[in-house]
Amino acid sequence: MVLSDLCDEAGIQPSQYYRWQKALFENGEAALSDKRGQKACDRQIAELEAKLATKNEVMSELLEAHVALKKSLGVS
């Protein structure tokens, strides 16, 4: 089927079709991207980074306590 026939069926001019096609090719990725999904991923990354920071702090405190205990017992 010819493009002009499709445009006639849809009630649009072929020039309008080509403008839409150009806009899609230039901005298609942005138009089709899932911004909500990206925001959810960003939020999850922030939560996981916060958990990791907390775990690192706890590990540091435990290591300090372990070293202090070893020193008090005279173990090297």
C-alpha atoms as a PDB file:
ATOM      1  CA  MET A   1       0.000   0.000   0.000  1.00  0.00           C
ATOM      2  CA  VAL A   2       1.208   3.473  -0.857  1.00  0.00           C
ATOM      3  CA  LEU A   3       1.793   6.069   1.865  1.00  0.00           C
ATOM      4  CA  SER A   4      -0.509   8.574   0.203  1.00  0.00           C
ATOM      5  CA  ASP A   5      -3.356   6.021   0.340  1.00  0.00           C
ATOM      6  CA  LEU A   6      -2.733   5.439   4.051  1.00  0.00           C
ATOM      7  CA  CYS A   7      -2.713   9.181   4.691  1.00  0.00           C
ATOM      8  CA  ASP A   8      -5.993   9.549   2.771  1.00  0.00           C
ATOM      9  CA  GLU A   9      -7.558   6.812   4.926  1.00  0.00           C
ATOM     10  CA  ALA A  10      -6.338   8.547   8.089  1.00  0.00           C
ATOM     11  CA  GLY A  11      -7.425  11.961   6.854  1.00  0.00           C
ATOM     12  CA  ILE A  12      -3.982  13.570   7.058  1.00  0.00           C
ATOM     13  CA  GLN A  13      -1.621  15.109   4.552  1.00  0.00           C
ATOM     14  CA  PRO A  14       1.566  13.197   3.676  1.00  0.00           C
ATOM     15  CA  SER A  15       3.551  16.271   4.761  1.00  0.00           C
ATOM     16  CA  GLN A  16       2.019  15.938   8.251  1.00  0.00           C
ATOM     17  CA  TYR A  17       3.042  12.282   8.323  1.00  0.00           C
ATOM     18  CA  TYR A  18       6.626  13.210   7.444  1.00  0.00           C
ATOM     19  CA  ARG A  19       6.706  15.899  10.172  1.00  0.00           C
ATOM     20  CA  TRP A  20       5.535  13.331  12.705  1.00  0.00           C
ATOM     21  CA  GLN A  21       8.086  10.831  11.438  1.00  0.00           C
ATOM     22  CA  LYS A  22      10.882  13.389  11.738  1.00  0.00           C
ATOM     23  CA  ALA A  23       9.800  14.314  15.280  1.00  0.00           C
ATOM     24  CA  LEU A  24       9.699  10.649  16.253  1.00  0.00           C
ATOM     25  CA  PHE A  25      13.160   9.961  14.881  1.00  0.00           C
ATOM     26  CA  GLU A  26      14.615  13.047  16.568  1.00  0.00           C
ATOM     27  CA  ASN A  27      12.894  12.627  19.951  1.00  0.00           C
ATOM     28  CA  GLY A  28      11.646   9.062  19.947  1.00  0.00           C
ATOM     29  CA  GLU A  29      13.804   7.823  22.796  1.00  0.00           C
ATOM     30  CA  ALA A  30      12.636  10.589  25.109  1.00  0.00           C
ATOM     31  CA  ALA A  31       9.006  10.091  24.108  1.00  0.00           C
ATOM     32  CA  LEU A  32       9.151   6.363  24.676  1.00  0.00           C
ATOM     33  CA  SER A  33      11.280   6.368  27.828  1.00  0.00           C
ATOM     34  CA  ASP A  34       9.717   5.299  31.100  1.00  0.00           C
ATOM     35  CA  LYS A  35      10.419   8.252  33.382  1.00  0.00           C
ATOM     36  CA  ARG A  36       8.506   6.721  36.282  1.00  0.00           C
ATOM     37  CA  GLY A  37      10.669   3.627  36.056  1.00  0.00           C
ATOM     38  CA  GLN A  38      13.801   5.764  36.103  1.00  0.00           C
ATOM     39  CA  LYS A  39      12.580   7.656  39.165  1.00  0.00           C
ATOM     40  CA  ALA A  40      11.856   4.358  40.914  1.00  0.00           C
ATOM     41  CA  CYS A  41      15.358   3.120  40.069  1.00  0.00           C
ATOM     42  CA  ASP A  42      16.904   6.356  41.331  1.00  0.00           C
ATOM     43  CA  ARG A  43      14.919   6.075  44.569  1.00  0.00           C
ATOM     44  CA  GLN A  44      15.957   2.449  45.032  1.00  0.00           C
ATOM     45  CA  ILE A  45      19.613   3.324  44.394  1.00  0.00           C
ATOM     46  CA  ALA A  46      19.438   6.081  47.023  1.00  0.00           C
ATOM     47  CA  GLU A  47      17.869   3.687  49.543  1.00  0.00           C
ATOM     48  CA  LEU A  48      20.497   1.021  48.889  1.00  0.00           C
ATOM     49  CA  GLU A  49      23.322   3.554  49.170  1.00  0.00           C
ATOM     50  CA  ALA A  50      21.923   4.694  52.532  1.00  0.00           C
ATOM     51  CA  LYS A  51      21.753   1.087  53.757  1.00  0.00           C
ATOM     52  CA  LEU A  52      25.308   0.493  52.591  1.00  0.00           C
ATOM     53  CA  ALA A  53      26.528   3.595  54.432  1.00  0.00           C
ATOM     54  CA  THR A  54      24.806   2.402  57.622  1.00  0.00           C
ATOM     55  CA  LYS A  55      26.359  -1.043  57.299  1.00  0.00           C
ATOM     56  CA  ASN A  56      29.789   0.510  56.753  1.00  0.00           C
ATOM     57  CA  GLU A  57      29.384   2.585  59.918  1.00  0.00           C
ATOM     58  CA  VAL A  58      28.362  -0.485  61.935  1.00  0.00           C
ATOM     59  CA  MET A  59      31.289  -2.481  60.544  1.00  0.00           C
ATOM     60  CA  SER A  60      33.668   0.325  61.491  1.00  0.00           C
ATOM     61  CA  GLU A  61      32.308   0.480  65.045  1.00  0.00           C
ATOM     62  CA  LEU A  62      32.541  -3.304  65.427  1.00  0.00           C
ATOM     63  CA  LEU A  63      36.105  -3.325  64.123  1.00  0.00           C
ATOM     64  CA  GLU A  64      37.079  -0.572  66.571  1.00  0.00           C
ATOM     65  CA  ALA A  65      35.524  -2.526  69.443  1.00  0.00           C
ATOM     66  CA  HIS A  66      37.311  -5.689  68.297  1.00  0.00           C
ATOM     67  CA  VAL A  67      40.689  -3.930  68.171  1.00  0.00           C
ATOM     68  CA  ALA A  68      40.107  -2.368  71.605  1.00  0.00           C
ATOM     69  CA  LEU A  69      39.198  -5.768  73.067  1.00  0.00           C
ATOM     70  CA  LYS A  70      42.287  -7.386  71.562  1.00  0.00           C
ATOM     71  CA  LYS A  71      44.460  -4.617  73.040  1.00  0.00           C
ATOM     72  CA  SER A  72      42.884  -4.993  76.477  1.00  0.00           C
ATOM     73  CA  LEU A  73      43.517  -8.752  76.388  1.00  0.00           C
ATOM     74  CA  GLY A  74      47.074  -8.255  75.185  1.00  0.00           C
ATOM     75  CA  VAL A  75      46.458 -10.166  71.963  1.00  0.00           C
ATOM     76  CA  SER A  76      48.216  -8.871  68.884  1.00  0.00           C
END
